[in-house]
Amino acid sequence: MLVLHGFTGNPQSVRPLADALVAQGFSVEMPLLSGHGTTVEDMMTTDWLDWSADAETALSRLAERTETQVVAGLSMGGSLTVWLATRHPEARRNHLHQPRHTGSGRGSGLHSGADRSRR
């Protein structure tokens, strides 16, 4: 299972999901995307080309040790998940999490794209 964090985030932001997957016996790859998790200056020198290359590399590492690859992403990691799906149909399942703002001042919550289709 490849788990991708969001813009300005780091793997710690998706660790609860990764830990739950490991507890269920899944092999998890959770990369730190270029420029993230350090300083603003580091992030300013990176862009989509770097982050998509990081996601490709992580998916390749996962494919070396697993028969089936599943990709999940939070926010920008979700965008990378969709991008990987277009390039790698062999990655059979993809799961997206996007922040949701209710507009009621109650903050945001996480929901999956699949959940939205049921509303």
N, C-alpha and C. Protein backbone atom coordinates (compact mmCIF):
# COMPACT_ATOMS: atom_id res chain seq x y z
N MET A 1 0.85 -1.17 0.00
CA MET A 1 0.00 0.00 0.00
C MET A 1 0.89 1.23 0.00
N LEU A 2 0.71 2.08 -0.98
CA LEU A 2 1.43 3.35 -1.05
C LEU A 2 0.53 4.42 -0.44
N VAL A 3 1.05 5.13 0.55
CA VAL A 3 0.29 6.18 1.25
C VAL A 3 1.04 7.50 1.06
N LEU A 4 0.36 8.47 0.44
CA LEU A 4 0.99 9.75 0.08
C LEU A 4 0.39 10.90 0.89
N HIS A 5 1.27 11.70 1.48
CA HIS A 5 0.82 12.86 2.27
C HIS A 5 0.46 14.03 1.35
N GLY A 6 -0.07 15.07 1.94
CA GLY A 6 -0.52 16.24 1.19
C GLY A 6 0.52 17.34 1.10
N PHE A 7 0.14 18.40 0.40
CA PHE A 7 0.99 19.57 0.20
C PHE A 7 1.34 20.21 1.53
N THR A 8 2.59 20.49 1.73
CA THR A 8 3.21 21.03 2.94
C THR A 8 3.20 20.04 4.10
N GLY A 9 2.72 18.84 3.88
CA GLY A 9 2.67 17.84 4.93
C GLY A 9 3.92 16.97 4.95
N ASN A 10 3.80 15.88 5.65
CA ASN A 10 4.88 14.89 5.71
C ASN A 10 4.24 13.55 6.08
N PRO A 11 5.00 12.47 6.05
CA PRO A 11 4.40 11.17 6.33
C PRO A 11 3.69 11.07 7.68
N GLN A 12 4.07 11.87 8.64
CA GLN A 12 3.42 11.82 9.94
C GLN A 12 1.92 12.12 9.83
N SER A 13 1.54 12.94 8.85
CA SER A 13 0.13 13.30 8.70
C SER A 13 -0.74 12.13 8.23
N VAL A 14 -0.13 11.11 7.66
CA VAL A 14 -0.88 9.92 7.22
C VAL A 14 -0.46 8.67 7.99
N ARG A 15 0.34 8.86 9.03
CA ARG A 15 0.82 7.71 9.81
C ARG A 15 -0.31 6.89 10.43
N PRO A 16 -1.38 7.50 10.96
CA PRO A 16 -2.44 6.65 11.53
C PRO A 16 -3.00 5.65 10.50
N LEU A 17 -3.18 6.10 9.27
CA LEU A 17 -3.65 5.19 8.22
C LEU A 17 -2.61 4.11 7.96
N ALA A 18 -1.36 4.50 7.82
CA ALA A 18 -0.28 3.53 7.55
C ALA A 18 -0.16 2.52 8.69
N ASP A 19 -0.22 3.00 9.93
CA ASP A 19 -0.13 2.09 11.08
C ASP A 19 -1.28 1.08 11.09
N ALA A 20 -2.49 1.56 10.76
CA ALA A 20 -3.64 0.65 10.72
C ALA A 20 -3.47 -0.40 9.62
N LEU A 21 -2.92 0.00 8.50
CA LEU A 21 -2.69 -0.95 7.40
C LEU A 21 -1.63 -1.98 7.76
N VAL A 22 -0.55 -1.53 8.40
CA VAL A 22 0.50 -2.45 8.84
C VAL A 22 -0.07 -3.44 9.85
N ALA A 23 -0.91 -2.97 10.76
CA ALA A 23 -1.52 -3.84 11.77
C ALA A 23 -2.39 -4.92 11.13
N GLN A 24 -2.90 -4.63 9.93
CA GLN A 24 -3.71 -5.60 9.22
C GLN A 24 -2.88 -6.48 8.28
N GLY A 25 -1.56 -6.29 8.31
CA GLY A 25 -0.67 -7.15 7.53
C GLY A 25 -0.25 -6.61 6.17
N PHE A 26 -0.59 -5.37 5.86
CA PHE A 26 -0.20 -4.79 4.59
C PHE A 26 1.25 -4.30 4.63
N SER A 27 1.91 -4.38 3.52
CA SER A 27 3.22 -3.77 3.34
C SER A 27 2.97 -2.32 2.92
N VAL A 28 3.58 -1.37 3.61
CA VAL A 28 3.29 0.05 3.37
C VAL A 28 4.56 0.79 2.96
N GLU A 29 4.41 1.61 1.95
CA GLU A 29 5.45 2.55 1.49
C GLU A 29 4.88 3.93 1.75
N MET A 30 5.64 4.78 2.47
CA MET A 30 5.14 6.09 2.86
C MET A 30 6.26 7.12 2.68
N PRO A 31 6.46 7.60 1.45
CA PRO A 31 7.60 8.49 1.19
C PRO A 31 7.39 9.92 1.69
N LEU A 32 8.50 10.57 1.95
CA LEU A 32 8.51 12.02 2.18
C LEU A 32 8.71 12.66 0.82
N LEU A 33 7.74 13.42 0.35
CA LEU A 33 7.85 14.06 -0.96
C LEU A 33 8.88 15.19 -0.91
N SER A 34 9.60 15.35 -2.00
CA SER A 34 10.68 16.35 -2.09
C SER A 34 10.22 17.72 -1.62
N GLY A 35 11.07 18.36 -0.82
CA GLY A 35 10.81 19.71 -0.34
C GLY A 35 9.87 19.80 0.85
N HIS A 36 9.27 18.70 1.23
CA HIS A 36 8.31 18.69 2.34
C HIS A 36 9.00 18.29 3.64
N GLY A 37 8.40 18.70 4.74
CA GLY A 37 8.87 18.26 6.05
C GLY A 37 10.13 18.93 6.54
N THR A 38 10.59 19.96 5.86
CA THR A 38 11.81 20.65 6.31
C THR A 38 11.53 22.15 6.43
N THR A 39 11.93 22.91 5.41
CA THR A 39 11.75 24.36 5.47
C THR A 39 11.00 24.86 4.24
N VAL A 40 10.46 26.06 4.34
CA VAL A 40 9.79 26.69 3.20
C VAL A 40 10.77 26.84 2.04
N GLU A 41 12.01 27.17 2.37
CA GLU A 41 13.02 27.34 1.32
C GLU A 41 13.23 26.05 0.53
N ASP A 42 13.22 24.91 1.23
CA ASP A 42 13.35 23.62 0.54
C ASP A 42 12.15 23.38 -0.39
N MET A 43 10.97 23.73 0.08
CA MET A 43 9.78 23.51 -0.74
C MET A 43 9.78 24.39 -1.98
N MET A 44 10.30 25.59 -1.87
CA MET A 44 10.29 26.54 -2.98
C MET A 44 11.13 26.06 -4.17
N THR A 45 11.99 25.10 -3.94
CA THR A 45 12.84 24.60 -5.04
C THR A 45 12.27 23.34 -5.68
N THR A 46 11.06 22.93 -5.29
CA THR A 46 10.46 21.72 -5.83
C THR A 46 9.10 22.02 -6.44
N ASP A 47 8.61 21.08 -7.25
CA ASP A 47 7.30 21.24 -7.87
C ASP A 47 6.71 19.88 -8.22
N TRP A 48 5.61 19.91 -8.98
CA TRP A 48 4.89 18.70 -9.34
C TRP A 48 5.80 17.64 -9.96
N LEU A 49 6.75 18.05 -10.79
CA LEU A 49 7.65 17.07 -11.42
C LEU A 49 8.43 16.29 -10.37
N ASP A 50 8.88 16.95 -9.33
CA ASP A 50 9.61 16.28 -8.25
C ASP A 50 8.68 15.34 -7.47
N TRP A 51 7.50 15.85 -7.13
CA TRP A 51 6.57 15.06 -6.29
C TRP A 51 6.03 13.86 -7.04
N SER A 52 5.75 14.04 -8.33
CA SER A 52 5.26 12.90 -9.12
C SER A 52 6.37 11.87 -9.31
N ALA A 53 7.61 12.32 -9.47
CA ALA A 53 8.74 11.39 -9.56
C ALA A 53 8.92 10.63 -8.25
N ASP A 54 8.75 11.31 -7.12
CA ASP A 54 8.82 10.64 -5.82
C ASP A 54 7.74 9.56 -5.70
N ALA A 55 6.53 9.88 -6.15
CA ALA A 55 5.43 8.91 -6.08
C ALA A 55 5.71 7.72 -6.99
N GLU A 56 6.22 7.97 -8.18
CA GLU A 56 6.59 6.88 -9.11
C GLU A 56 7.65 5.97 -8.48
N THR A 57 8.67 6.57 -7.90
CA THR A 57 9.74 5.80 -7.27
C THR A 57 9.21 4.94 -6.13
N ALA A 58 8.36 5.53 -5.31
CA ALA A 58 7.79 4.79 -4.19
C ALA A 58 6.91 3.64 -4.67
N LEU A 59 6.12 3.87 -5.72
CA LEU A 59 5.28 2.81 -6.28
C LEU A 59 6.16 1.68 -6.83
N SER A 60 7.25 2.03 -7.46
CA SER A 60 8.18 1.02 -7.98
C SER A 60 8.79 0.20 -6.84
N ARG A 61 9.17 0.86 -5.76
CA ARG A 61 9.71 0.13 -4.60
C ARG A 61 8.67 -0.84 -4.04
N LEU A 62 7.43 -0.37 -3.96
CA LEU A 62 6.35 -1.21 -3.46
C LEU A 62 6.12 -2.40 -4.39
N ALA A 63 6.15 -2.17 -5.68
CA ALA A 63 5.91 -3.24 -6.66
C ALA A 63 7.00 -4.32 -6.61
N GLU A 64 8.20 -3.95 -6.17
CA GLU A 64 9.28 -4.93 -6.04
C GLU A 64 9.00 -5.96 -4.95
N ARG A 65 8.16 -5.62 -3.99
CA ARG A 65 7.93 -6.53 -2.87
C ARG A 65 6.48 -6.97 -2.67
N THR A 66 5.58 -6.49 -3.54
CA THR A 66 4.18 -6.89 -3.41
C THR A 66 3.62 -7.29 -4.78
N GLU A 67 2.64 -8.16 -4.74
CA GLU A 67 2.00 -8.61 -5.98
C GLU A 67 0.98 -7.59 -6.48
N THR A 68 0.26 -6.97 -5.55
CA THR A 68 -0.78 -5.99 -5.89
C THR A 68 -0.45 -4.68 -5.19
N GLN A 69 -0.58 -3.59 -5.93
CA GLN A 69 -0.32 -2.28 -5.35
C GLN A 69 -1.64 -1.52 -5.20
N VAL A 70 -1.78 -0.90 -4.05
CA VAL A 70 -2.93 -0.04 -3.74
C VAL A 70 -2.35 1.30 -3.34
N VAL A 71 -2.97 2.39 -3.80
CA VAL A 71 -2.46 3.73 -3.52
C VAL A 71 -3.52 4.54 -2.81
N ALA A 72 -3.12 5.24 -1.75
CA ALA A 72 -4.01 6.15 -1.03
C ALA A 72 -3.30 7.47 -0.85
N GLY A 73 -4.04 8.56 -0.89
CA GLY A 73 -3.42 9.86 -0.72
C GLY A 73 -4.32 10.85 -0.04
N LEU A 74 -3.71 11.75 0.69
CA LEU A 74 -4.40 12.83 1.40
C LEU A 74 -4.18 14.13 0.64
N SER A 75 -5.24 14.79 0.25
CA SER A 75 -5.17 16.09 -0.39
C SER A 75 -4.30 16.03 -1.66
N MET A 76 -3.16 16.72 -1.71
CA MET A 76 -2.31 16.65 -2.89
C MET A 76 -1.86 15.21 -3.15
N GLY A 77 -1.68 14.44 -2.09
CA GLY A 77 -1.36 13.02 -2.25
C GLY A 77 -2.48 12.30 -2.98
N GLY A 78 -3.73 12.76 -2.80
CA GLY A 78 -4.86 12.23 -3.55
C GLY A 78 -4.75 12.56 -5.03
N SER A 79 -4.29 13.76 -5.33
CA SER A 79 -4.07 14.13 -6.73
C SER A 79 -2.98 13.26 -7.35
N LEU A 80 -1.94 13.01 -6.60
CA LEU A 80 -0.89 12.11 -7.07
C LEU A 80 -1.43 10.70 -7.27
N THR A 81 -2.36 10.29 -6.40
CA THR A 81 -2.98 8.97 -6.52
C THR A 81 -3.72 8.84 -7.84
N VAL A 82 -4.50 9.86 -8.20
CA VAL A 82 -5.22 9.84 -9.47
C VAL A 82 -4.23 9.83 -10.63
N TRP A 83 -3.20 10.65 -10.55
CA TRP A 83 -2.19 10.71 -11.60
C TRP A 83 -1.52 9.35 -11.78
N LEU A 84 -1.15 8.69 -10.66
CA LEU A 84 -0.55 7.36 -10.76
C LEU A 84 -1.51 6.36 -11.39
N ALA A 85 -2.79 6.47 -11.07
CA ALA A 85 -3.79 5.55 -11.63
C ALA A 85 -3.86 5.66 -13.15
N THR A 86 -3.67 6.86 -13.67
CA THR A 86 -3.71 7.03 -15.13
C THR A 86 -2.48 6.43 -15.79
N ARG A 87 -1.40 6.34 -15.07
CA ARG A 87 -0.15 5.82 -15.61
C ARG A 87 0.08 4.35 -15.29
N HIS A 88 -0.59 3.86 -14.26
CA HIS A 88 -0.36 2.49 -13.78
C HIS A 88 -1.68 1.77 -13.54
N PRO A 89 -2.32 1.30 -14.59
CA PRO A 89 -3.59 0.59 -14.38
C PRO A 89 -3.42 -0.68 -13.55
N GLU A 90 -2.19 -1.17 -13.44
CA GLU A 90 -1.95 -2.36 -12.61
C GLU A 90 -2.09 -2.07 -11.12
N ALA A 91 -2.01 -0.80 -10.74
CA ALA A 91 -2.29 -0.42 -9.35
C ALA A 91 -3.81 -0.41 -9.22
N ARG A 92 -4.36 -1.51 -8.78
CA ARG A 92 -5.77 -1.83 -8.95
C ARG A 92 -6.73 -0.96 -8.17
N ARG A 93 -6.33 -0.48 -7.04
CA ARG A 93 -7.26 0.31 -6.23
C ARG A 93 -6.60 1.63 -5.85
N ASN A 94 -7.40 2.64 -5.79
CA ASN A 94 -6.93 3.96 -5.37
C ASN A 94 -7.94 4.53 -4.41
N HIS A 95 -7.45 5.20 -3.39
CA HIS A 95 -8.34 5.78 -2.38
C HIS A 95 -7.89 7.21 -2.12
N LEU A 96 -8.81 8.13 -2.19
CA LEU A 96 -8.48 9.55 -2.03
C LEU A 96 -9.10 10.10 -0.76
N HIS A 97 -8.38 10.97 -0.12
CA HIS A 97 -8.93 11.73 1.00
C HIS A 97 -8.66 13.20 0.72
N GLN A 98 -9.71 13.99 0.75
CA GLN A 98 -9.59 15.42 0.53
C GLN A 98 -10.19 16.14 1.73
N PRO A 99 -9.55 17.22 2.17
CA PRO A 99 -10.17 18.00 3.25
C PRO A 99 -11.52 18.53 2.78
N ARG A 100 -12.46 18.56 3.67
CA ARG A 100 -13.80 19.04 3.33
C ARG A 100 -14.13 20.21 4.26
N HIS A 101 -14.54 21.30 3.67
CA HIS A 101 -14.95 22.47 4.45
C HIS A 101 -16.47 22.56 4.37
N THR A 102 -17.11 22.61 5.51
CA THR A 102 -18.57 22.61 5.54
C THR A 102 -19.15 23.99 5.32
N GLY A 103 -18.33 25.02 5.50
CA GLY A 103 -18.85 26.36 5.37
C GLY A 103 -19.59 26.83 6.61
N SER A 104 -19.71 25.95 7.60
CA SER A 104 -20.46 26.30 8.80
C SER A 104 -19.53 26.73 9.92
N GLY A 105 -18.23 26.84 9.63
CA GLY A 105 -17.29 27.23 10.66
C GLY A 105 -16.89 26.08 11.56
N ARG A 106 -17.37 24.89 11.25
CA ARG A 106 -17.05 23.75 12.09
C ARG A 106 -15.74 23.09 11.68
N GLY A 107 -15.00 23.69 10.76
CA GLY A 107 -13.73 23.10 10.35
C GLY A 107 -13.91 22.14 9.21
N SER A 108 -12.97 21.24 9.11
CA SER A 108 -13.02 20.29 8.01
C SER A 108 -12.90 18.89 8.55
N GLY A 109 -13.34 17.97 7.75
CA GLY A 109 -13.21 16.57 8.08
C GLY A 109 -12.67 15.83 6.89
N LEU A 110 -12.38 14.56 7.05
CA LEU A 110 -11.91 13.76 5.95
C LEU A 110 -13.06 12.92 5.41
N HIS A 111 -13.10 12.82 4.12
CA HIS A 111 -14.06 11.92 3.50
C HIS A 111 -13.42 11.36 2.24
N SER A 112 -13.89 10.25 1.81
CA SER A 112 -13.34 9.67 0.58
C SER A 112 -14.17 10.13 -0.59
N GLY A 113 -13.56 10.13 -1.77
CA GLY A 113 -14.27 10.47 -2.98
C GLY A 113 -15.46 9.55 -3.18
N ALA A 114 -15.33 8.30 -2.77
CA ALA A 114 -16.43 7.35 -2.90
C ALA A 114 -17.60 7.78 -2.02
N ASP A 115 -17.30 8.32 -0.83
CA ASP A 115 -18.37 8.78 0.05
C ASP A 115 -19.17 9.89 -0.60
N ARG A 116 -18.50 10.79 -1.31
CA ARG A 116 -19.16 11.93 -1.93
C ARG A 116 -20.17 11.45 -2.96
N SER A 117 -19.89 10.37 -3.67
CA SER A 117 -20.79 9.88 -4.70
C SER A 117 -22.09 9.35 -4.12
N ARG A 118 -22.12 9.07 -2.83
CA ARG A 118 -23.33 8.54 -2.18
C ARG A 118 -24.21 9.65 -1.64
N ARG A 119 -23.75 10.88 -1.67
CA ARG A 119 -24.54 11.98 -1.10
C ARG A 119 -25.52 12.53 -2.08
